[in-house]
N, C-alpha and C. Protein backbone atom coordinates (compact mmCIF):
# COMPACT_ATOMS: atom_id res chain seq x y z
N MET A 1 12.35 -1.70 -9.17
CA MET A 1 11.28 -1.06 -8.33
C MET A 1 11.70 -1.14 -6.86
N ASN A 2 11.61 -0.07 -6.14
CA ASN A 2 12.04 -0.29 -4.75
C ASN A 2 10.80 -0.83 -3.83
N ARG A 3 11.20 -1.10 -2.60
CA ARG A 3 10.27 -1.75 -1.72
C ARG A 3 9.05 -0.94 -1.39
N LYS A 4 9.31 0.48 -1.19
CA LYS A 4 8.16 1.40 -0.89
C LYS A 4 7.22 1.43 -1.96
N GLU A 5 7.62 1.54 -3.21
CA GLU A 5 6.74 1.61 -4.39
C GLU A 5 6.06 0.38 -4.57
N ARG A 6 6.73 -0.78 -4.43
CA ARG A 6 6.09 -2.07 -4.62
C ARG A 6 4.99 -2.29 -3.48
N CYS A 7 5.30 -1.96 -2.35
CA CYS A 7 4.31 -2.18 -1.25
C CYS A 7 3.04 -1.22 -1.46
N ARG A 8 3.34 0.01 -1.90
CA ARG A 8 2.25 0.97 -2.17
C ARG A 8 1.30 0.43 -3.23
N ILE A 9 1.82 -0.13 -4.28
CA ILE A 9 1.05 -0.66 -5.33
C ILE A 9 0.18 -1.84 -4.81
N LEU A 10 0.89 -2.76 -4.07
CA LEU A 10 0.14 -3.98 -3.64
C LEU A 10 -0.94 -3.63 -2.58
N ILE A 11 -0.67 -2.52 -1.78
CA ILE A 11 -1.73 -2.19 -0.83
C ILE A 11 -2.81 -1.36 -1.39
N GLU A 12 -2.53 -0.49 -2.37
CA GLU A 12 -3.52 0.42 -2.92
C GLU A 12 -4.35 -0.24 -4.07
N GLY A 13 -3.75 -1.26 -4.64
CA GLY A 13 -4.35 -1.95 -5.74
C GLY A 13 -5.63 -2.74 -5.41
N SER A 14 -6.10 -3.46 -6.31
CA SER A 14 -7.40 -4.17 -6.19
C SER A 14 -7.35 -5.27 -5.18
N GLY A 15 -6.07 -5.79 -4.99
CA GLY A 15 -5.95 -6.92 -4.04
C GLY A 15 -5.72 -8.24 -4.74
N ARG A 16 -6.24 -8.21 -6.03
CA ARG A 16 -6.10 -9.39 -6.81
C ARG A 16 -4.62 -9.88 -7.10
N LEU A 17 -3.87 -8.84 -7.43
CA LEU A 17 -2.43 -9.08 -7.82
C LEU A 17 -1.68 -9.57 -6.52
N LEU A 18 -1.99 -8.97 -5.36
CA LEU A 18 -1.26 -9.45 -4.11
C LEU A 18 -1.78 -10.89 -3.76
N LYS A 19 -2.91 -11.27 -4.00
CA LYS A 19 -3.44 -12.58 -3.83
C LYS A 19 -2.83 -13.56 -4.78
N ASP A 20 -2.70 -13.19 -6.07
CA ASP A 20 -2.16 -14.08 -7.12
C ASP A 20 -0.60 -14.28 -6.77
N LEU A 21 0.10 -13.26 -6.44
CA LEU A 21 1.53 -13.34 -6.11
C LEU A 21 1.73 -14.21 -4.97
N GLY A 22 0.95 -14.00 -3.87
CA GLY A 22 1.14 -14.82 -2.63
C GLY A 22 0.88 -16.34 -2.92
N GLU A 23 -0.16 -16.66 -3.71
CA GLU A 23 -0.47 -18.00 -4.06
C GLU A 23 0.65 -18.60 -4.85
N GLU A 24 1.22 -17.84 -5.85
CA GLU A 24 2.34 -18.28 -6.59
C GLU A 24 3.51 -18.64 -5.80
N ILE A 25 3.78 -17.77 -4.78
CA ILE A 25 4.99 -17.92 -3.97
C ILE A 25 4.83 -19.18 -3.06
N GLU A 26 3.62 -19.35 -2.55
CA GLU A 26 3.37 -20.54 -1.74
C GLU A 26 3.57 -21.88 -2.45
N LYS A 27 3.14 -21.84 -3.74
CA LYS A 27 3.20 -23.02 -4.59
C LYS A 27 4.65 -23.26 -4.98
N SER A 28 5.46 -22.23 -5.21
CA SER A 28 6.69 -22.38 -5.86
C SER A 28 7.90 -22.50 -4.99
N PHE A 29 7.79 -22.02 -3.73
CA PHE A 29 8.94 -21.89 -2.90
C PHE A 29 8.67 -22.40 -1.47
N SER A 30 9.76 -22.69 -0.78
CA SER A 30 9.56 -23.15 0.55
C SER A 30 9.32 -21.95 1.43
N VAL A 31 8.12 -21.98 2.20
CA VAL A 31 7.75 -20.84 2.96
C VAL A 31 7.62 -21.28 4.44
N GLN A 32 8.20 -20.59 5.29
CA GLN A 32 8.15 -20.79 6.74
C GLN A 32 7.66 -19.60 7.41
N THR A 33 6.61 -19.69 8.24
CA THR A 33 6.12 -18.60 9.03
C THR A 33 6.92 -18.31 10.23
N ILE A 34 7.45 -17.17 10.37
CA ILE A 34 8.21 -16.76 11.58
C ILE A 34 7.32 -16.24 12.61
N ASP A 35 6.47 -15.17 12.16
CA ASP A 35 5.50 -14.60 13.01
C ASP A 35 4.17 -14.63 12.32
N GLU A 36 3.08 -15.32 12.90
CA GLU A 36 1.86 -15.28 12.40
C GLU A 36 1.32 -13.89 12.31
N PRO A 37 0.31 -13.51 11.47
CA PRO A 37 -0.15 -12.10 11.29
C PRO A 37 -0.77 -11.81 12.70
N ASN A 38 -0.30 -10.62 13.28
CA ASN A 38 -0.94 -10.21 14.53
C ASN A 38 -1.03 -8.66 14.49
N GLU A 39 -1.84 -8.10 15.39
CA GLU A 39 -2.07 -6.81 15.36
C GLU A 39 -1.16 -6.01 16.32
N GLY A 40 -0.84 -4.80 16.02
CA GLY A 40 -0.09 -3.94 16.78
C GLY A 40 -0.43 -2.55 16.64
N VAL A 41 0.32 -1.66 17.30
CA VAL A 41 -0.03 -0.22 17.22
C VAL A 41 1.35 0.54 16.90
N VAL A 42 1.17 1.41 15.94
CA VAL A 42 2.45 2.23 15.56
C VAL A 42 2.00 3.72 15.70
N MET A 43 3.01 4.43 16.31
CA MET A 43 2.89 5.92 16.50
C MET A 43 3.08 6.56 15.11
N VAL A 44 2.23 7.53 14.81
CA VAL A 44 2.35 8.31 13.55
C VAL A 44 3.12 9.46 13.84
N ARG A 45 4.28 9.64 13.21
CA ARG A 45 5.07 10.84 13.45
C ARG A 45 4.82 11.90 12.34
N MET A 46 4.70 13.08 12.83
CA MET A 46 4.39 14.14 11.79
C MET A 46 5.50 15.34 12.15
N ARG A 47 5.51 16.30 11.20
CA ARG A 47 6.46 17.49 11.41
C ARG A 47 5.54 18.72 11.43
N ASP A 48 5.65 19.56 12.45
CA ASP A 48 4.98 20.83 12.50
C ASP A 48 5.52 21.67 11.41
N SER A 49 4.66 22.16 10.55
CA SER A 49 5.06 22.93 9.35
C SER A 49 5.59 24.36 9.78
N ALA A 50 5.16 24.84 10.87
CA ALA A 50 5.70 26.19 11.26
C ALA A 50 7.02 26.13 11.95
N ARG A 51 7.13 25.16 12.94
CA ARG A 51 8.44 25.23 13.68
C ARG A 51 9.32 24.05 13.15
N LYS A 52 8.84 23.33 12.24
CA LYS A 52 9.64 22.16 11.73
C LYS A 52 10.05 21.15 12.80
N ALA A 53 9.33 21.08 13.85
CA ALA A 53 9.55 20.21 14.98
C ALA A 53 8.69 18.87 14.80
N PRO A 54 9.32 17.73 15.03
CA PRO A 54 8.54 16.54 15.00
C PRO A 54 7.60 16.44 16.14
N PHE A 55 6.51 15.69 15.95
CA PHE A 55 5.59 15.34 17.07
C PHE A 55 4.77 14.11 16.63
N TYR A 56 4.10 13.52 17.57
CA TYR A 56 3.46 12.29 17.33
C TYR A 56 1.92 12.54 17.24
N LEU A 57 1.31 12.33 16.17
CA LEU A 57 -0.06 12.72 15.86
C LEU A 57 -1.00 11.70 16.71
N GLY A 58 -0.57 10.45 16.79
CA GLY A 58 -1.45 9.51 17.46
C GLY A 58 -0.98 8.04 17.08
N GLU A 59 -1.87 7.13 17.31
CA GLU A 59 -1.53 5.74 17.03
C GLU A 59 -2.40 5.19 15.88
N VAL A 60 -1.90 4.15 15.22
CA VAL A 60 -2.57 3.53 14.19
C VAL A 60 -2.45 2.00 14.28
N LEU A 61 -3.58 1.28 14.20
CA LEU A 61 -3.59 -0.09 14.24
C LEU A 61 -3.05 -0.67 12.98
N VAL A 62 -2.13 -1.62 13.21
CA VAL A 62 -1.50 -2.30 12.00
C VAL A 62 -1.61 -3.83 12.19
N THR A 63 -1.52 -4.54 11.11
CA THR A 63 -1.37 -5.97 11.08
C THR A 63 0.00 -6.24 10.50
N GLU A 64 0.80 -7.10 11.16
CA GLU A 64 2.11 -7.42 10.69
C GLU A 64 2.29 -8.95 10.67
N ALA A 65 3.20 -9.31 9.66
CA ALA A 65 3.57 -10.74 9.58
C ALA A 65 5.02 -10.82 9.15
N LYS A 66 5.57 -11.99 9.54
CA LYS A 66 7.02 -12.22 9.14
C LYS A 66 7.14 -13.67 8.66
N VAL A 67 7.81 -13.88 7.52
CA VAL A 67 7.96 -15.20 6.87
C VAL A 67 9.41 -15.35 6.36
N GLN A 68 9.72 -16.61 6.03
CA GLN A 68 10.98 -16.88 5.33
C GLN A 68 10.58 -17.52 4.03
N VAL A 69 11.09 -17.06 2.92
CA VAL A 69 10.84 -17.66 1.62
C VAL A 69 12.19 -18.13 1.08
N ASP A 70 12.41 -19.45 1.09
CA ASP A 70 13.59 -20.04 0.69
C ASP A 70 14.84 -19.40 1.47
N GLY A 71 14.59 -19.23 2.75
CA GLY A 71 15.55 -18.68 3.70
C GLY A 71 15.68 -17.25 3.75
N ALA A 72 14.99 -16.39 2.85
CA ALA A 72 15.03 -14.93 2.95
C ALA A 72 13.97 -14.47 3.71
N VAL A 73 14.10 -13.56 4.70
CA VAL A 73 13.08 -13.01 5.44
C VAL A 73 12.21 -11.99 4.69
N GLY A 74 10.93 -12.00 4.99
CA GLY A 74 10.02 -11.14 4.33
C GLY A 74 9.14 -10.61 5.46
N ILE A 75 8.77 -9.19 5.43
CA ILE A 75 7.99 -8.60 6.43
C ILE A 75 6.79 -7.93 5.75
N GLY A 76 5.63 -8.02 6.31
CA GLY A 76 4.37 -7.41 5.78
C GLY A 76 3.69 -6.63 6.85
N ILE A 77 3.49 -5.34 6.69
CA ILE A 77 2.84 -4.50 7.57
C ILE A 77 1.83 -3.73 6.78
N ILE A 78 0.47 -3.73 7.31
CA ILE A 78 -0.54 -2.94 6.64
C ILE A 78 -1.39 -2.34 7.72
N ARG A 79 -1.90 -1.22 7.40
CA ARG A 79 -2.83 -0.52 8.31
C ARG A 79 -4.11 -1.19 8.39
N GLY A 80 -4.64 -1.30 9.71
CA GLY A 80 -5.91 -1.98 9.77
C GLY A 80 -5.77 -3.42 10.25
N HIS A 81 -6.89 -4.11 10.31
CA HIS A 81 -6.99 -5.55 10.54
C HIS A 81 -7.12 -6.38 9.22
N HIS A 82 -5.99 -6.76 8.77
CA HIS A 82 -5.85 -7.49 7.50
C HIS A 82 -4.93 -8.57 7.50
N PRO A 83 -5.11 -9.66 8.18
CA PRO A 83 -4.10 -10.69 8.40
C PRO A 83 -3.70 -11.38 7.20
N LYS A 84 -4.60 -11.66 6.28
CA LYS A 84 -4.23 -12.35 4.96
C LYS A 84 -3.30 -11.44 4.16
N ARG A 85 -3.67 -10.15 4.09
CA ARG A 85 -2.92 -9.26 3.18
C ARG A 85 -1.57 -8.97 3.86
N ALA A 86 -1.42 -8.91 5.11
CA ALA A 86 -0.14 -8.73 5.82
C ALA A 86 0.74 -10.01 5.45
N TYR A 87 0.17 -11.11 5.54
CA TYR A 87 0.90 -12.37 5.35
C TYR A 87 1.41 -12.38 3.90
N ARG A 88 0.50 -12.01 2.96
CA ARG A 88 0.84 -12.06 1.53
C ARG A 88 1.93 -11.04 1.21
N LEU A 89 1.86 -9.84 1.83
CA LEU A 89 2.91 -8.82 1.64
C LEU A 89 4.27 -9.30 2.18
N ALA A 90 4.23 -10.08 3.23
CA ALA A 90 5.48 -10.69 3.74
C ALA A 90 6.02 -11.62 2.73
N LEU A 91 5.13 -12.50 2.17
CA LEU A 91 5.56 -13.47 1.09
C LEU A 91 6.25 -12.83 -0.02
N VAL A 92 5.65 -11.78 -0.58
CA VAL A 92 6.24 -10.95 -1.71
C VAL A 92 7.55 -10.43 -1.27
N ASP A 93 7.63 -9.86 -0.11
CA ASP A 93 8.87 -9.22 0.37
C ASP A 93 9.99 -10.24 0.52
N GLY A 94 9.64 -11.41 1.05
CA GLY A 94 10.65 -12.38 1.22
C GLY A 94 11.10 -13.03 -0.17
N ALA A 95 10.10 -13.14 -1.04
CA ALA A 95 10.60 -13.71 -2.34
C ALA A 95 11.48 -12.58 -3.07
N TRP A 96 11.09 -11.36 -2.97
CA TRP A 96 11.82 -10.39 -3.56
C TRP A 96 13.25 -10.23 -2.91
N ASN A 97 13.30 -10.33 -1.61
CA ASN A 97 14.57 -10.30 -0.94
C ASN A 97 15.43 -11.50 -1.33
N ARG A 98 14.80 -12.61 -1.72
CA ARG A 98 15.61 -13.78 -1.99
C ARG A 98 16.03 -13.64 -3.53
N GLY A 99 15.48 -12.70 -4.28
CA GLY A 99 15.91 -12.52 -5.69
C GLY A 99 15.49 -13.60 -6.57
N VAL A 100 14.21 -14.05 -6.45
CA VAL A 100 13.80 -15.09 -7.25
C VAL A 100 13.65 -14.67 -8.72
N PRO A 101 13.72 -15.70 -9.67
CA PRO A 101 13.77 -15.26 -11.13
C PRO A 101 12.48 -14.64 -11.62
N GLN A 102 11.35 -14.85 -10.91
CA GLN A 102 10.03 -14.34 -11.44
C GLN A 102 9.94 -12.70 -11.22
N ILE A 103 10.88 -12.13 -10.46
CA ILE A 103 10.88 -10.69 -10.29
C ILE A 103 10.62 -9.88 -11.51
N ALA A 104 11.25 -10.19 -12.65
CA ALA A 104 11.06 -9.40 -13.86
C ALA A 104 9.69 -9.45 -14.22
N ASP A 105 8.97 -10.65 -14.26
CA ASP A 105 7.59 -10.78 -14.61
C ASP A 105 6.71 -10.02 -13.61
N TRP A 106 6.96 -10.11 -12.28
CA TRP A 106 6.27 -9.44 -11.25
C TRP A 106 6.31 -7.94 -11.40
N THR A 107 7.46 -7.37 -11.78
CA THR A 107 7.59 -6.01 -11.90
C THR A 107 6.71 -5.42 -13.09
N LYS A 108 6.63 -6.18 -14.17
CA LYS A 108 5.76 -5.80 -15.21
C LYS A 108 4.29 -5.77 -14.77
N ARG A 109 3.89 -6.84 -13.94
CA ARG A 109 2.51 -6.85 -13.44
C ARG A 109 2.23 -5.69 -12.42
N LEU A 110 3.31 -5.27 -11.63
CA LEU A 110 3.15 -4.16 -10.70
C LEU A 110 3.01 -2.81 -11.46
N VAL A 111 3.76 -2.71 -12.58
CA VAL A 111 3.62 -1.50 -13.36
C VAL A 111 2.28 -1.35 -14.01
N LYS A 112 1.65 -2.45 -14.39
CA LYS A 112 0.31 -2.45 -15.00
C LYS A 112 -0.69 -2.01 -13.85
N GLU A 113 -0.48 -2.55 -12.67
CA GLU A 113 -1.38 -2.31 -11.59
C GLU A 113 -1.23 -0.86 -11.15
N ARG A 114 0.00 -0.22 -11.25
CA ARG A 114 0.26 1.17 -10.95
C ARG A 114 -0.58 2.09 -11.87
N VAL A 115 -0.66 1.64 -13.12
CA VAL A 115 -1.33 2.49 -14.20
C VAL A 115 -2.84 2.39 -13.87
N LEU A 116 -3.37 1.21 -13.48
CA LEU A 116 -4.78 1.11 -13.04
C LEU A 116 -5.08 1.91 -11.81
N ILE A 117 -4.16 2.06 -10.87
CA ILE A 117 -4.42 2.78 -9.69
C ILE A 117 -4.42 4.26 -10.03
N ALA A 118 -3.55 4.67 -10.84
CA ALA A 118 -3.52 6.10 -11.27
C ALA A 118 -4.78 6.47 -12.04
N ARG A 119 -5.27 5.60 -12.88
CA ARG A 119 -6.55 5.91 -13.62
C ARG A 119 -7.77 6.06 -12.64
N GLU A 120 -7.70 5.10 -11.62
CA GLU A 120 -8.83 5.18 -10.67
C GLU A 120 -8.71 6.44 -9.80
N GLN A 121 -7.57 6.90 -9.50
CA GLN A 121 -7.39 8.13 -8.76
C GLN A 121 -7.84 9.29 -9.62
N GLU A 122 -7.56 9.27 -10.86
CA GLU A 122 -7.93 10.37 -11.76
C GLU A 122 -9.51 10.43 -11.82
N ARG A 123 -10.19 9.30 -11.92
CA ARG A 123 -11.62 9.15 -11.98
C ARG A 123 -12.22 9.73 -10.67
N GLU A 124 -11.63 9.36 -9.49
CA GLU A 124 -12.14 9.78 -8.24
C GLU A 124 -11.94 11.39 -8.14
N GLU A 125 -10.80 11.87 -8.60
CA GLU A 125 -10.58 13.30 -8.58
C GLU A 125 -11.62 13.96 -9.51
N GLY A 126 -11.99 13.47 -10.56
CA GLY A 126 -12.97 14.02 -11.48
C GLY A 126 -14.40 14.05 -10.74
N ARG A 127 -14.69 12.99 -10.08
CA ARG A 127 -15.98 12.94 -9.39
C ARG A 127 -15.99 14.04 -8.31
N ILE A 128 -14.85 14.25 -7.61
CA ILE A 128 -14.79 15.23 -6.50
C ILE A 128 -14.91 16.59 -7.16
N LEU A 129 -14.19 16.79 -8.24
CA LEU A 129 -14.25 18.14 -8.85
C LEU A 129 -15.64 18.55 -9.43
N LYS A 130 -16.45 17.54 -9.75
CA LYS A 130 -17.82 17.82 -10.19
C LYS A 130 -18.72 18.44 -9.09
N THR A 131 -18.35 18.12 -7.93
CA THR A 131 -19.12 18.70 -6.74
C THR A 131 -18.60 20.08 -6.22
N ARG A 132 -17.52 20.50 -6.82
CA ARG A 132 -16.90 21.74 -6.40
C ARG A 132 -17.82 22.95 -6.79
N VAL A 133 -17.85 23.79 -5.85
CA VAL A 133 -18.73 24.98 -5.99
C VAL A 133 -17.86 26.18 -6.33
N ASP A 134 -18.20 26.98 -7.37
CA ASP A 134 -17.38 28.16 -7.70
C ASP A 134 -18.14 29.41 -7.21
N PHE A 135 -17.77 29.96 -6.11
CA PHE A 135 -18.47 31.05 -5.53
C PHE A 135 -18.31 32.33 -6.29
N SER A 136 -17.27 32.49 -7.11
CA SER A 136 -17.07 33.72 -7.84
C SER A 136 -18.24 33.80 -8.86
N THR A 137 -18.85 32.80 -9.34
CA THR A 137 -19.93 33.04 -10.36
C THR A 137 -21.14 33.68 -9.78
N MET A 138 -21.43 33.41 -8.38
CA MET A 138 -22.49 34.07 -7.76
C MET A 138 -22.31 35.61 -7.72
N GLU A 139 -21.04 35.97 -7.49
CA GLU A 139 -20.67 37.36 -7.36
C GLU A 139 -20.89 38.01 -8.80
N ASP A 140 -20.43 37.26 -9.82
CA ASP A 140 -20.47 37.75 -11.15
C ASP A 140 -21.85 38.02 -11.64
N GLN A 141 -22.79 37.37 -11.11
CA GLN A 141 -24.31 37.46 -11.57
C GLN A 141 -25.00 38.47 -10.72
N GLY A 142 -24.34 39.27 -9.99
CA GLY A 142 -24.96 40.33 -9.22
C GLY A 142 -25.56 39.96 -7.95
N VAL A 143 -25.22 38.88 -7.41
CA VAL A 143 -25.76 38.33 -6.20
C VAL A 143 -24.96 39.04 -5.08
N GLU A 144 -25.62 39.64 -4.09
CA GLU A 144 -24.87 40.42 -3.04
C GLU A 144 -24.34 39.45 -2.04
N LYS A 145 -23.33 39.82 -1.38
CA LYS A 145 -22.69 39.03 -0.39
C LYS A 145 -23.31 39.30 0.90
């Protein structure tokens, strides 16, 4: 599992898995904080669909943290003000970069969380589709425009 997918699951998930992994890493490995969680601003880059030219849409508040897990650097960046989550993301990143033996088990847990996220997204899409209005049925029933 690549870093982007791993982070997406940990950020979009319930938060329980991220908390559990962070606590497990703190108990099992030597952790040194390089940069305490702090807030920053990141420019959001977009691409104009017509001209294919890049432009900056605006700024986004992020919380970022940097740690070392048994000598391997880990970075956690999350949108908004979430210092604990940024720190825990950094812990997971550092442990993953270190190549700790628990990665196989963690990958299984991440895959399960990905399934739960997909199910929740399907439920949300279902709720949204229930509110959708089909204007063609008004036309079919003789209602004038």
